[in-house]
Amino acid sequence: CDDIIELLKRANSHDTDQAIYSYITRENMVHLCHLYGENFQQNMSIIHAPTFDITKSDPALSLVVMLVGACYSPDTIPASHVVKLARRLVTAIALEPVGLKIALFMGEEADKRL
C-alpha cells in the first residue's frame, strides 16, 4: 500500500487532499481485488489470474485492480474518490519513465528488453 501512495504522491507534490490516501489499505486491497476477480475478470479477462500476485505486482497495476473492484462496492471507496484516485494514477503513469508504461502493457519482460 505504501508503494501505491508513494507513486501517487510523486505525481502530485502539491497535493492538499491527503485524506484520499486513507482508502488505500491492505484490507481494502484484499476486498477490492476479490471483487475485481469475482466481477470484472469473469467478463473481461485481462490479467492472468493464476499468476497474478497483488503483493508483487507493480503499484500502478495494483491500484488499477483496486479501483475497478471499487466500482462493484460503492461503500468501500466513494465514487468521487475513485475518480480522484484514477486521475492521479493517470498522471503518475504519464510522469514515469517510458519503460514502466511499456512494462505495464506488455509485461515486465518488455521492460528488460529496452
PDB file of N, CA and C in Angstrom:
ATOM      1  N   CYS A   1       0.825  -1.204   0.000  1.00  0.00           N
ATOM      2  CA  CYS A   1       0.000   0.000   0.000  1.00  0.00           C
ATOM      3  C   CYS A   1       0.869   1.268   0.000  1.00  0.00           C
ATOM      4  N   ASP A   2       1.972   1.193   0.709  1.00  0.00           N
ATOM      5  CA  ASP A   2       2.864   2.357   0.764  1.00  0.00           C
ATOM      6  C   ASP A   2       3.420   2.699  -0.615  1.00  0.00           C
ATOM      7  N   ASP A   3       3.703   1.669  -1.422  1.00  0.00           N
ATOM      8  CA  ASP A   3       4.226   1.903  -2.771  1.00  0.00           C
ATOM      9  C   ASP A   3       3.198   2.621  -3.649  1.00  0.00           C
ATOM     10  N   ILE A   4       1.935   2.264  -3.477  1.00  0.00           N
ATOM     11  CA  ILE A   4       0.870   2.904  -4.250  1.00  0.00           C
ATOM     12  C   ILE A   4       0.755   4.373  -3.856  1.00  0.00           C
ATOM     13  N   ILE A   5       0.740   4.626  -2.569  1.00  0.00           N
ATOM     14  CA  ILE A   5       0.625   6.008  -2.076  1.00  0.00           C
ATOM     15  C   ILE A   5       1.821   6.832  -2.538  1.00  0.00           C
ATOM     16  N   GLU A   6       3.007   6.250  -2.464  1.00  0.00           N
ATOM     17  CA  GLU A   6       4.212   6.954  -2.901  1.00  0.00           C
ATOM     18  C   GLU A   6       4.145   7.288  -4.388  1.00  0.00           C
ATOM     19  N   LEU A   7       3.675   6.354  -5.195  1.00  0.00           N
ATOM     20  CA  LEU A   7       3.518   6.598  -6.633  1.00  0.00           C
ATOM     21  C   LEU A   7       2.595   7.785  -6.875  1.00  0.00           C
ATOM     22  N   LEU A   8       1.477   7.819  -6.176  1.00  0.00           N
ATOM     23  CA  LEU A   8       0.513   8.909  -6.352  1.00  0.00           C
ATOM     24  C   LEU A   8       1.058  10.240  -5.855  1.00  0.00           C
ATOM     25  N   LYS A   9       1.790  10.219  -4.765  1.00  0.00           N
ATOM     26  CA  LYS A   9       2.346  11.461  -4.216  1.00  0.00           C
ATOM     27  C   LYS A   9       3.446  12.027  -5.115  1.00  0.00           C
ATOM     28  N   ARG A  10       4.221  11.166  -5.758  1.00  0.00           N
ATOM     29  CA  ARG A  10       5.254  11.650  -6.688  1.00  0.00           C
ATOM     30  C   ARG A  10       4.625  12.400  -7.850  1.00  0.00           C
ATOM     31  N   ALA A  11       3.429  11.986  -8.227  1.00  0.00           N
ATOM     32  CA  ALA A  11       2.754  12.609  -9.367  1.00  0.00           C
ATOM     33  C   ALA A  11       2.150  13.960  -9.015  1.00  0.00           C
ATOM     34  N   ASN A  12       1.899  14.199  -7.738  1.00  0.00           N
ATOM     35  CA  ASN A  12       1.247  15.439  -7.336  1.00  0.00           C
ATOM     36  C   ASN A  12       1.854  15.911  -6.016  1.00  0.00           C
ATOM     37  N   SER A  13       2.983  16.577  -6.104  1.00  0.00           N
ATOM     38  CA  SER A  13       3.691  17.012  -4.900  1.00  0.00           C
ATOM     39  C   SER A  13       2.975  18.136  -4.156  1.00  0.00           C
ATOM     40  N   HIS A  14       2.032  18.793  -4.810  1.00  0.00           N
ATOM     41  CA  HIS A  14       1.287  19.883  -4.179  1.00  0.00           C
ATOM     42  C   HIS A  14      -0.082  19.417  -3.698  1.00  0.00           C
ATOM     43  N   ASP A  15      -0.183  18.148  -3.424  1.00  0.00           N
ATOM     44  CA  ASP A  15      -1.450  17.538  -3.029  1.00  0.00           C
ATOM     45  C   ASP A  15      -1.898  18.041  -1.662  1.00  0.00           C
ATOM     46  N   THR A  16      -3.118  18.544  -1.593  1.00  0.00           N
ATOM     47  CA  THR A  16      -3.658  19.009  -0.318  1.00  0.00           C
ATOM     48  C   THR A  16      -4.696  18.052   0.241  1.00  0.00           C
ATOM     49  N   ASP A  17      -5.150  17.091  -0.565  1.00  0.00           N
ATOM     50  CA  ASP A  17      -6.181  16.148  -0.143  1.00  0.00           C
ATOM     51  C   ASP A  17      -5.540  14.832   0.294  1.00  0.00           C
ATOM     52  N   GLN A  18      -4.918  14.840   1.452  1.00  0.00           N
ATOM     53  CA  GLN A  18      -4.242  13.655   1.963  1.00  0.00           C
ATOM     54  C   GLN A  18      -5.227  12.574   2.424  1.00  0.00           C
ATOM     55  N   ALA A  19      -6.451  12.957   2.748  1.00  0.00           N
ATOM     56  CA  ALA A  19      -7.440  12.008   3.249  1.00  0.00           C
ATOM     57  C   ALA A  19      -7.779  10.931   2.234  1.00  0.00           C
ATOM     58  N   ILE A  20      -7.609  11.253   0.962  1.00  0.00           N
ATOM     59  CA  ILE A  20      -7.948  10.283  -0.084  1.00  0.00           C
ATOM     60  C   ILE A  20      -7.087   9.025   0.026  1.00  0.00           C
ATOM     61  N   TYR A  21      -5.889   9.155   0.562  1.00  0.00           N
ATOM     62  CA  TYR A  21      -4.995   8.012   0.696  1.00  0.00           C
ATOM     63  C   TYR A  21      -5.440   7.043   1.790  1.00  0.00           C
ATOM     64  N   SER A  22      -6.340   7.469   2.642  1.00  0.00           N
ATOM     65  CA  SER A  22      -6.813   6.594   3.724  1.00  0.00           C
ATOM     66  C   SER A  22      -7.585   5.389   3.192  1.00  0.00           C
ATOM     67  N   TYR A  23      -8.006   5.441   1.936  1.00  0.00           N
ATOM     68  CA  TYR A  23      -8.733   4.321   1.341  1.00  0.00           C
ATOM     69  C   TYR A  23      -7.788   3.231   0.816  1.00  0.00           C
ATOM     70  N   ILE A  24      -6.528   3.561   0.707  1.00  0.00           N
ATOM     71  CA  ILE A  24      -5.557   2.596   0.200  1.00  0.00           C
ATOM     72  C   ILE A  24      -4.981   1.839   1.392  1.00  0.00           C
ATOM     73  N   THR A  25      -5.695   0.787   1.769  1.00  0.00           N
ATOM     74  CA  THR A  25      -5.304  -0.039   2.906  1.00  0.00           C
ATOM     75  C   THR A  25      -5.197  -1.496   2.469  1.00  0.00           C
ATOM     76  N   ARG A  26      -4.540  -2.278   3.269  1.00  0.00           N
ATOM     77  CA  ARG A  26      -4.422  -3.709   2.969  1.00  0.00           C
ATOM     78  C   ARG A  26      -5.803  -4.352   2.942  1.00  0.00           C
ATOM     79  N   GLU A  27      -6.625  -4.009   3.903  1.00  0.00           N
ATOM     80  CA  GLU A  27      -7.978  -4.578   3.969  1.00  0.00           C
ATOM     81  C   GLU A  27      -8.775  -4.258   2.697  1.00  0.00           C
ATOM     82  N   ASN A  28      -8.745  -3.001   2.280  1.00  0.00           N
ATOM     83  CA  ASN A  28      -9.453  -2.618   1.055  1.00  0.00           C
ATOM     84  C   ASN A  28      -8.849  -3.301  -0.167  1.00  0.00           C
ATOM     85  N   MET A  29      -7.516  -3.416  -0.190  1.00  0.00           N
ATOM     86  CA  MET A  29      -6.860  -4.051  -1.320  1.00  0.00           C
ATOM     87  C   MET A  29      -7.344  -5.495  -1.483  1.00  0.00           C
ATOM     88  N   VAL A  30      -7.367  -6.235  -0.400  1.00  0.00           N
ATOM     89  CA  VAL A  30      -7.813  -7.631  -0.452  1.00  0.00           C
ATOM     90  C   VAL A  30      -9.267  -7.712  -0.888  1.00  0.00           C
ATOM     91  N   HIS A  31     -10.116  -6.905  -0.272  1.00  0.00           N
ATOM     92  CA  HIS A  31     -11.552  -6.916  -0.588  1.00  0.00           C
ATOM     93  C   HIS A  31     -11.815  -6.519  -2.033  1.00  0.00           C
ATOM     94  N   LEU A  32     -11.200  -5.448  -2.481  1.00  0.00           N
ATOM     95  CA  LEU A  32     -11.460  -4.939  -3.824  1.00  0.00           C
ATOM     96  C   LEU A  32     -10.840  -5.820  -4.908  1.00  0.00           C
ATOM     97  N   CYS A  33      -9.706  -6.420  -4.629  1.00  0.00           N
ATOM     98  CA  CYS A  33      -9.119  -7.360  -5.590  1.00  0.00           C
ATOM     99  C   CYS A  33     -10.011  -8.587  -5.743  1.00  0.00           C
ATOM    100  N   HIS A  34     -10.595  -9.013  -4.647  1.00  0.00           N
ATOM    101  CA  HIS A  34     -11.551 -10.123  -4.704  1.00  0.00           C
ATOM    102  C   HIS A  34     -12.752  -9.740  -5.579  1.00  0.00           C
ATOM    103  N   LEU A  35     -13.274  -8.532  -5.378  1.00  0.00           N
ATOM    104  CA  LEU A  35     -14.407  -8.074  -6.181  1.00  0.00           C
ATOM    105  C   LEU A  35     -14.026  -7.945  -7.659  1.00  0.00           C
ATOM    106  N   TYR A  36     -12.816  -7.489  -7.918  1.00  0.00           N
ATOM    107  CA  TYR A  36     -12.322  -7.412  -9.292  1.00  0.00           C
ATOM    108  C   TYR A  36     -12.384  -8.797  -9.932  1.00  0.00           C
ATOM    109  N   GLY A  37     -11.809  -9.776  -9.249  1.00  0.00           N
ATOM    110  CA  GLY A  37     -11.765 -11.134  -9.794  1.00  0.00           C
ATOM    111  C   GLY A  37     -13.131 -11.750  -9.939  1.00  0.00           C
ATOM    112  N   GLU A  38     -13.986 -11.476  -8.995  1.00  0.00           N
ATOM    113  CA  GLU A  38     -15.332 -12.063  -8.990  1.00  0.00           C
ATOM    114  C   GLU A  38     -16.245 -11.453 -10.043  1.00  0.00           C
ATOM    115  N   ASN A  39     -16.065 -10.178 -10.332  1.00  0.00           N
ATOM    116  CA  ASN A  39     -16.980  -9.466 -11.228  1.00  0.00           C
ATOM    117  C   ASN A  39     -16.365  -9.113 -12.579  1.00  0.00           C
ATOM    118  N   PHE A  40     -15.289  -8.354 -12.568  1.00  0.00           N
ATOM    119  CA  PHE A  40     -14.727  -7.845 -13.813  1.00  0.00           C
ATOM    120  C   PHE A  40     -13.950  -8.915 -14.576  1.00  0.00           C
ATOM    121  N   GLN A  41     -13.088  -9.614 -13.878  1.00  0.00           N
ATOM    122  CA  GLN A  41     -12.228 -10.617 -14.515  1.00  0.00           C
ATOM    123  C   GLN A  41     -13.061 -11.696 -15.213  1.00  0.00           C
ATOM    124  N   GLN A  42     -14.220 -11.998 -14.659  1.00  0.00           N
ATOM    125  CA  GLN A  42     -15.092 -13.007 -15.256  1.00  0.00           C
ATOM    126  C   GLN A  42     -15.627 -12.557 -16.617  1.00  0.00           C
ATOM    127  N   ASN A  43     -15.793 -11.265 -16.790  1.00  0.00           N
ATOM    128  CA  ASN A  43     -16.354 -10.724 -18.024  1.00  0.00           C
ATOM    129  C   ASN A  43     -15.304 -10.259 -19.022  1.00  0.00           C
ATOM    130  N   MET A  44     -14.175  -9.771 -18.509  1.00  0.00           N
ATOM    131  CA  MET A  44     -13.122  -9.260 -19.380  1.00  0.00           C
ATOM    132  C   MET A  44     -11.778  -9.666 -18.783  1.00  0.00           C
ATOM    133  N   SER A  45     -11.319 -10.801 -19.165  1.00  0.00           N
ATOM    134  CA  SER A  45     -10.097 -11.362 -18.609  1.00  0.00           C
ATOM    135  C   SER A  45      -8.872 -10.679 -19.204  1.00  0.00           C
ATOM    136  N   ILE A  46      -8.321  -9.724 -18.471  1.00  0.00           N
ATOM    137  CA  ILE A  46      -7.135  -9.013 -18.957  1.00  0.00           C
ATOM    138  C   ILE A  46      -5.904  -9.291 -18.100  1.00  0.00           C
ATOM    139  N   ILE A  47      -6.103  -9.993 -17.003  1.00  0.00           N
ATOM    140  CA  ILE A  47      -4.998 -10.376 -16.121  1.00  0.00           C
ATOM    141  C   ILE A  47      -4.981 -11.896 -16.040  1.00  0.00           C
ATOM    142  N   HIS A  48      -3.806 -12.476 -16.119  1.00  0.00           N
ATOM    143  CA  HIS A  48      -3.685 -13.924 -15.984  1.00  0.00           C
ATOM    144  C   HIS A  48      -3.813 -14.271 -14.501  1.00  0.00           C
ATOM    145  N   ALA A  49      -5.029 -14.618 -14.116  1.00  0.00           N
ATOM    146  CA  ALA A  49      -5.361 -14.819 -12.699  1.00  0.00           C
ATOM    147  C   ALA A  49      -4.478 -15.841 -11.981  1.00  0.00           C
ATOM    148  N   PRO A  50      -4.135 -16.982 -12.589  1.00  0.00           N
ATOM    149  CA  PRO A  50      -3.320 -17.959 -11.858  1.00  0.00           C
ATOM    150  C   PRO A  50      -1.936 -17.446 -11.450  1.00  0.00           C
ATOM    151  N   THR A  51      -1.392 -16.486 -12.190  1.00  0.00           N
ATOM    152  CA  THR A  51      -0.052 -15.993 -11.856  1.00  0.00           C
ATOM    153  C   THR A  51      -0.055 -14.590 -11.255  1.00  0.00           C
ATOM    154  N   PHE A  52      -1.219 -13.977 -11.146  1.00  0.00           N
ATOM    155  CA  PHE A  52      -1.287 -12.612 -10.609  1.00  0.00           C
ATOM    156  C   PHE A  52      -1.127 -12.645  -9.091  1.00  0.00           C
ATOM    157  N   ASP A  53      -0.210 -11.827  -8.591  1.00  0.00           N
ATOM    158  CA  ASP A  53       0.033 -11.711  -7.152  1.00  0.00           C
ATOM    159  C   ASP A  53       0.044 -10.220  -6.813  1.00  0.00           C
ATOM    160  N   ILE A  54      -1.006  -9.763  -6.175  1.00  0.00           N
ATOM    161  CA  ILE A  54      -1.162  -8.337  -5.870  1.00  0.00           C
ATOM    162  C   ILE A  54       0.001  -7.808  -5.030  1.00  0.00           C
ATOM    163  N   THR A  55       0.606  -8.654  -4.208  1.00  0.00           N
ATOM    164  CA  THR A  55       1.703  -8.199  -3.347  1.00  0.00           C
ATOM    165  C   THR A  55       3.005  -8.001  -4.116  1.00  0.00           C
ATOM    166  N   LYS A  56       3.096  -8.588  -5.326  1.00  0.00           N
ATOM    167  CA  LYS A  56       4.314  -8.472  -6.118  1.00  0.00           C
ATOM    168  C   LYS A  56       4.113  -7.667  -7.396  1.00  0.00           C
ATOM    169  N   SER A  57       2.892  -7.248  -7.650  1.00  0.00           N
ATOM    170  CA  SER A  57       2.622  -6.527  -8.893  1.00  0.00           C
ATOM    171  C   SER A  57       3.055  -5.067  -8.782  1.00  0.00           C
ATOM    172  N   ASP A  58       3.183  -4.436  -9.914  1.00  0.00           N
ATOM    173  CA  ASP A  58       3.526  -3.021  -9.966  1.00  0.00           C
ATOM    174  C   ASP A  58       2.460  -2.214  -9.209  1.00  0.00           C
ATOM    175  N   PRO A  59       2.845  -1.192  -8.456  1.00  0.00           N
ATOM    176  CA  PRO A  59       1.863  -0.393  -7.722  1.00  0.00           C
ATOM    177  C   PRO A  59       0.752   0.181  -8.595  1.00  0.00           C
ATOM    178  N   ALA A  60       1.086   0.577  -9.812  1.00  0.00           N
ATOM    179  CA  ALA A  60       0.063   1.132 -10.706  1.00  0.00           C
ATOM    180  C   ALA A  60      -0.966   0.066 -11.064  1.00  0.00           C
ATOM    181  N   LEU A  61      -0.503  -1.138 -11.368  1.00  0.00           N
ATOM    182  CA  LEU A  61      -1.423  -2.225 -11.693  1.00  0.00           C
ATOM    183  C   LEU A  61      -2.267  -2.604 -10.476  1.00  0.00           C
ATOM    184  N   SER A  62      -1.658  -2.633  -9.314  1.00  0.00           N
ATOM    185  CA  SER A  62      -2.408  -2.941  -8.089  1.00  0.00           C
ATOM    186  C   SER A  62      -3.529  -1.934  -7.870  1.00  0.00           C
ATOM    187  N   LEU A  63      -3.234  -0.665  -8.080  1.00  0.00           N
ATOM    188  CA  LEU A  63      -4.250   0.364  -7.892  1.00  0.00           C
ATOM    189  C   LEU A  63      -5.347   0.246  -8.952  1.00  0.00           C
ATOM    190  N   VAL A  64      -4.985  -0.074 -10.178  1.00  0.00           N
ATOM    191  CA  VAL A  64      -5.996  -0.265 -11.223  1.00  0.00           C
ATOM    192  C   VAL A  64      -6.966  -1.367 -10.804  1.00  0.00           C
ATOM    193  N   VAL A  65      -6.440  -2.473 -10.345  1.00  0.00           N
ATOM    194  CA  VAL A  65      -7.290  -3.592  -9.912  1.00  0.00           C
ATOM    195  C   VAL A  65      -8.181  -3.151  -8.757  1.00  0.00           C
ATOM    196  N   MET A  66      -7.614  -2.425  -7.803  1.00  0.00           N
ATOM    197  CA  MET A  66      -8.410  -1.934  -6.670  1.00  0.00           C
ATOM    198  C   MET A  66      -9.538  -1.013  -7.134  1.00  0.00           C
ATOM    199  N   LEU A  67      -9.225  -0.098  -8.015  1.00  0.00           N
ATOM    200  CA  LEU A  67     -10.227   0.878  -8.453  1.00  0.00           C
ATOM    201  C   LEU A  67     -11.335   0.230  -9.270  1.00  0.00           C
ATOM    202  N   VAL A  68     -10.989  -0.749 -10.085  1.00  0.00           N
ATOM    203  CA  VAL A  68     -12.032  -1.471 -10.815  1.00  0.00           C
ATOM    204  C   VAL A  68     -12.894  -2.238  -9.815  1.00  0.00           C
ATOM    205  N   GLY A  69     -12.280  -2.877  -8.846  1.00  0.00           N
ATOM    206  CA  GLY A  69     -13.038  -3.582  -7.812  1.00  0.00           C
ATOM    207  C   GLY A  69     -13.933  -2.641  -7.026  1.00  0.00           C
ATOM    208  N   ALA A  70     -13.478  -1.413  -6.821  1.00  0.00           N
ATOM    209  CA  ALA A  70     -14.271  -0.422  -6.074  1.00  0.00           C
ATOM    210  C   ALA A  70     -15.560  -0.067  -6.800  1.00  0.00           C
ATOM    211  N   CYS A  71     -15.577  -0.231  -8.099  1.00  0.00           N
ATOM    212  CA  CYS A  71     -16.807   0.039  -8.863  1.00  0.00           C
ATOM    213  C   CYS A  71     -17.914  -0.941  -8.501  1.00  0.00           C
ATOM    214  N   TYR A  72     -17.551  -2.077  -7.925  1.00  0.00           N
ATOM    215  CA  TYR A  72     -18.525  -3.084  -7.508  1.00  0.00           C
ATOM    216  C   TYR A  72     -18.843  -2.988  -6.020  1.00  0.00           C
ATOM    217  N   SER A  73     -18.289  -2.007  -5.348  1.00  0.00           N
ATOM    218  CA  SER A  73     -18.510  -1.835  -3.915  1.00  0.00           C
ATOM    219  C   SER A  73     -18.536  -0.346  -3.573  1.00  0.00           C
ATOM    220  N   PRO A  74     -19.651   0.327  -3.811  1.00  0.00           N
ATOM    221  CA  PRO A  74     -19.702   1.773  -3.593  1.00  0.00           C
ATOM    222  C   PRO A  74     -19.488   2.195  -2.137  1.00  0.00           C
ATOM    223  N   ASP A  75     -19.595   1.262  -1.219  1.00  0.00           N
ATOM    224  CA  ASP A  75     -19.409   1.602   0.198  1.00  0.00           C
ATOM    225  C   ASP A  75     -17.945   1.593   0.625  1.00  0.00           C
ATOM    226  N   THR A  76     -17.087   0.935  -0.153  1.00  0.00           N
ATOM    227  CA  THR A  76     -15.674   0.833   0.230  1.00  0.00           C
ATOM    228  C   THR A  76     -14.921   2.124  -0.057  1.00  0.00           C
ATOM    229  N   ILE A  77     -15.022   2.606  -1.279  1.00  0.00           N
ATOM    230  CA  ILE A  77     -14.427   3.887  -1.679  1.00  0.00           C
ATOM    231  C   ILE A  77     -15.516   4.654  -2.422  1.00  0.00           C
ATOM    232  N   PRO A  78     -15.879   5.832  -1.949  1.00  0.00           N
ATOM    233  CA  PRO A  78     -16.909   6.614  -2.655  1.00  0.00           C
ATOM    234  C   PRO A  78     -16.510   6.872  -4.109  1.00  0.00           C
ATOM    235  N   ALA A  79     -17.499   6.891  -4.989  1.00  0.00           N
ATOM    236  CA  ALA A  79     -17.244   7.063  -6.423  1.00  0.00           C
ATOM    237  C   ALA A  79     -16.404   8.304  -6.727  1.00  0.00           C
ATOM    238  N   SER A  80     -16.668   9.394  -6.021  1.00  0.00           N
ATOM    239  CA  SER A  80     -15.902  10.623  -6.280  1.00  0.00           C
ATOM    240  C   SER A  80     -14.418  10.420  -5.956  1.00  0.00           C
ATOM    241  N   HIS A  81     -14.116   9.599  -4.962  1.00  0.00           N
ATOM    242  CA  HIS A  81     -12.720   9.335  -4.611  1.00  0.00           C
ATOM    243  C   HIS A  81     -12.088   8.341  -5.576  1.00  0.00           C
ATOM    244  N   VAL A  82     -12.890   7.420  -6.101  1.00  0.00           N
ATOM    245  CA  VAL A  82     -12.373   6.505  -7.128  1.00  0.00           C
ATOM    246  C   VAL A  82     -11.912   7.320  -8.328  1.00  0.00           C
ATOM    247  N   VAL A  83     -12.712   8.299  -8.718  1.00  0.00           N
ATOM    248  CA  VAL A  83     -12.357   9.156  -9.855  1.00  0.00           C
ATOM    249  C   VAL A  83     -11.089   9.949  -9.551  1.00  0.00           C
ATOM    250  N   LYS A  84     -10.983  10.519  -8.354  1.00  0.00           N
ATOM    251  CA  LYS A  84      -9.780  11.284  -7.986  1.00  0.00           C
ATOM    252  C   LYS A  84      -8.535  10.408  -8.021  1.00  0.00           C
ATOM    253  N   LEU A  85      -8.651   9.213  -7.455  1.00  0.00           N
ATOM    254  CA  LEU A  85      -7.507   8.302  -7.443  1.00  0.00           C
ATOM    255  C   LEU A  85      -7.130   7.878  -8.859  1.00  0.00           C
ATOM    256  N   ALA A  86      -8.133   7.631  -9.696  1.00  0.00           N
ATOM    257  CA  ALA A  86      -7.857   7.245 -11.084  1.00  0.00           C
ATOM    258  C   ALA A  86      -7.148   8.368 -11.835  1.00  0.00           C
ATOM    259  N   ARG A  87      -7.593   9.601 -11.633  1.00  0.00           N
ATOM    260  CA  ARG A  87      -6.935  10.741 -12.288  1.00  0.00           C
ATOM    261  C   ARG A  87      -5.496  10.888 -11.833  1.00  0.00           C
ATOM    262  N   ARG A  88      -5.271  10.709 -10.546  1.00  0.00           N
ATOM    263  CA  ARG A  88      -3.900  10.804 -10.026  1.00  0.00           C
ATOM    264  C   ARG A  88      -3.038   9.679 -10.585  1.00  0.00           C
ATOM    265  N   LEU A  89      -3.634   8.508 -10.736  1.00  0.00           N
ATOM    266  CA  LEU A  89      -2.886   7.381 -11.293  1.00  0.00           C
ATOM    267  C   LEU A  89      -2.489   7.653 -12.739  1.00  0.00           C
ATOM    268  N   VAL A  90      -3.397   8.176 -13.527  1.00  0.00           N
ATOM    269  CA  VAL A  90      -3.085   8.501 -14.921  1.00  0.00           C
ATOM    270  C   VAL A  90      -1.936   9.513 -14.974  1.00  0.00           C
ATOM    271  N   THR A  91      -1.968  10.504 -14.115  1.00  0.00           N
ATOM    272  CA  THR A  91      -0.888  11.492 -14.055  1.00  0.00           C
ATOM    273  C   THR A  91       0.419  10.825 -13.647  1.00  0.00           C
ATOM    274  N   ALA A  92       0.357   9.948 -12.660  1.00  0.00           N
ATOM    275  CA  ALA A  92       1.566   9.259 -12.190  1.00  0.00           C
ATOM    276  C   ALA A  92       2.179   8.426 -13.304  1.00  0.00           C
ATOM    277  N   ILE A  93       1.345   7.699 -14.036  1.00  0.00           N
ATOM    278  CA  ILE A  93       1.851   6.875 -15.133  1.00  0.00           C
ATOM    279  C   ILE A  93       2.466   7.752 -16.223  1.00  0.00           C
ATOM    280  N   ALA A  94       1.829   8.869 -16.511  1.00  0.00           N
ATOM    281  CA  ALA A  94       2.342   9.778 -17.540  1.00  0.00           C
ATOM    282  C   ALA A  94       3.708  10.345 -17.159  1.00  0.00           C
ATOM    283  N   LEU A  95       3.973  10.495 -15.876  1.00  0.00           N
ATOM    284  CA  LEU A  95       5.237  11.076 -15.420  1.00  0.00           C
ATOM    285  C   LEU A  95       6.346  10.047 -15.233  1.00  0.00           C
ATOM    286  N   GLU A  96       5.999   8.781 -15.265  1.00  0.00           N
ATOM    287  CA  GLU A  96       7.002   7.728 -15.091  1.00  0.00           C
ATOM    288  C   GLU A  96       7.800   7.536 -16.385  1.00  0.00           C
ATOM    289  N   PRO A  97       8.975   6.943 -16.267  1.00  0.00           N
ATOM    290  CA  PRO A  97       9.768   6.665 -17.473  1.00  0.00           C
ATOM    291  C   PRO A  97       8.991   5.768 -18.443  1.00  0.00           C
ATOM    292  N   VAL A  98       9.327   5.878 -19.714  1.00  0.00           N
ATOM    293  CA  VAL A  98       8.634   5.123 -20.759  1.00  0.00           C
ATOM    294  C   VAL A  98       8.691   3.622 -20.488  1.00  0.00           C
ATOM    295  N   GLY A  99       9.777   3.137 -19.946  1.00  0.00           N
ATOM    296  CA  GLY A  99       9.915   1.709 -19.677  1.00  0.00           C
ATOM    297  C   GLY A  99       8.807   1.159 -18.805  1.00  0.00           C
ATOM    298  N   LEU A 100       8.370   1.921 -17.816  1.00  0.00           N
ATOM    299  CA  LEU A 100       7.290   1.470 -16.940  1.00  0.00           C
ATOM    300  C   LEU A 100       5.996   1.345 -17.719  1.00  0.00           C
ATOM    301  N   LYS A 101       5.716   2.322 -18.571  1.00  0.00           N
ATOM    302  CA  LYS A 101       4.480   2.282 -19.355  1.00  0.00           C
ATOM    303  C   LYS A 101       4.446   1.046 -20.238  1.00  0.00           C
ATOM    304  N   ILE A 102       5.563   0.743 -20.870  1.00  0.00           N
ATOM    305  CA  ILE A 102       5.627  -0.433 -21.725  1.00  0.00           C
ATOM    306  C   ILE A 102       5.468  -1.696 -20.882  1.00  0.00           C
ATOM    307  N   ALA A 103       6.127  -1.744 -19.735  1.00  0.00           N
ATOM    308  CA  ALA A 103       6.049  -2.919 -18.882  1.00  0.00           C
ATOM    309  C   ALA A 103       4.631  -3.169 -18.399  1.00  0.00           C
ATOM    310  N   LEU A 104       3.899  -2.115 -18.108  1.00  0.00           N
ATOM    311  CA  LEU A 104       2.527  -2.282 -17.645  1.00  0.00           C
ATOM    312  C   LEU A 104       1.657  -2.940 -18.705  1.00  0.00           C
ATOM    313  N   PHE A 105       1.895  -2.611 -19.948  1.00  0.00           N
ATOM    314  CA  PHE A 105       1.040  -3.114 -21.009  1.00  0.00           C
ATOM    315  C   PHE A 105       1.582  -4.361 -21.698  1.00  0.00           C
ATOM    316  N   MET A 106       2.872  -4.616 -21.590  1.00  0.00           N
ATOM    317  CA  MET A 106       3.452  -5.761 -22.294  1.00  0.00           C
ATOM    318  C   MET A 106       4.093  -6.767 -21.348  1.00  0.00           C
ATOM    319  N   GLY A 107       4.068  -6.526 -20.089  1.00  0.00           N
ATOM    320  CA  GLY A 107       4.703  -7.424 -19.128  1.00  0.00           C
ATOM    321  C   GLY A 107       6.106  -6.963 -18.827  1.00  0.00           C
ATOM    322  N   GLU A 108       6.638  -7.412 -17.711  1.00  0.00           N
ATOM    323  CA  GLU A 108       7.946  -6.918 -17.287  1.00  0.00           C
ATOM    324  C   GLU A 108       9.071  -7.387 -18.199  1.00  0.00           C
ATOM    325  N   GLU A 109       8.885  -8.433 -18.972  1.00  0.00           N
ATOM    326  CA  GLU A 109       9.900  -8.865 -19.915  1.00  0.00           C
ATOM    327  C   GLU A 109      10.193  -7.785 -20.951  1.00  0.00           C
ATOM    328  N   ALA A 110       9.167  -7.042 -21.359  1.00  0.00           N
ATOM    329  CA  ALA A 110       9.354  -5.964 -22.329  1.00  0.00           C
ATOM    330  C   ALA A 110      10.273  -4.896 -21.758  1.00  0.00           C
ATOM    331  N   ASP A 111      10.135  -4.613 -20.462  1.00  0.00           N
ATOM    332  CA  ASP A 111      10.959  -3.602 -19.822  1.00  0.00           C
ATOM    333  C   ASP A 111      12.433  -4.037 -19.816  1.00  0.00           C
ATOM    334  N   LYS A 112      12.699  -5.317 -19.646  1.00  0.00           N
ATOM    335  CA  LYS A 112      14.062  -5.816 -19.624  1.00  0.00           C
ATOM    336  C   LYS A 112      14.721  -5.711 -21.001  1.00  0.00           C
ATOM    337  N   ARG A 113      13.911  -5.775 -22.059  1.00  0.00           N
ATOM    338  CA  ARG A 113      14.452  -5.701 -23.412  1.00  0.00           C
ATOM    339  C   ARG A 113      14.817  -4.304 -23.824  1.00  0.00           C
ATOM    340  N   LEU A 114      14.320  -3.282 -23.116  1.00  0.00           N
ATOM    341  CA  LEU A 114      14.586  -1.884 -23.510  1.00  0.00           C
ATOM    342  C   LEU A 114      16.027  -1.506 -23.258  1.00  0.00           C
TER     343      LEU A 114
END
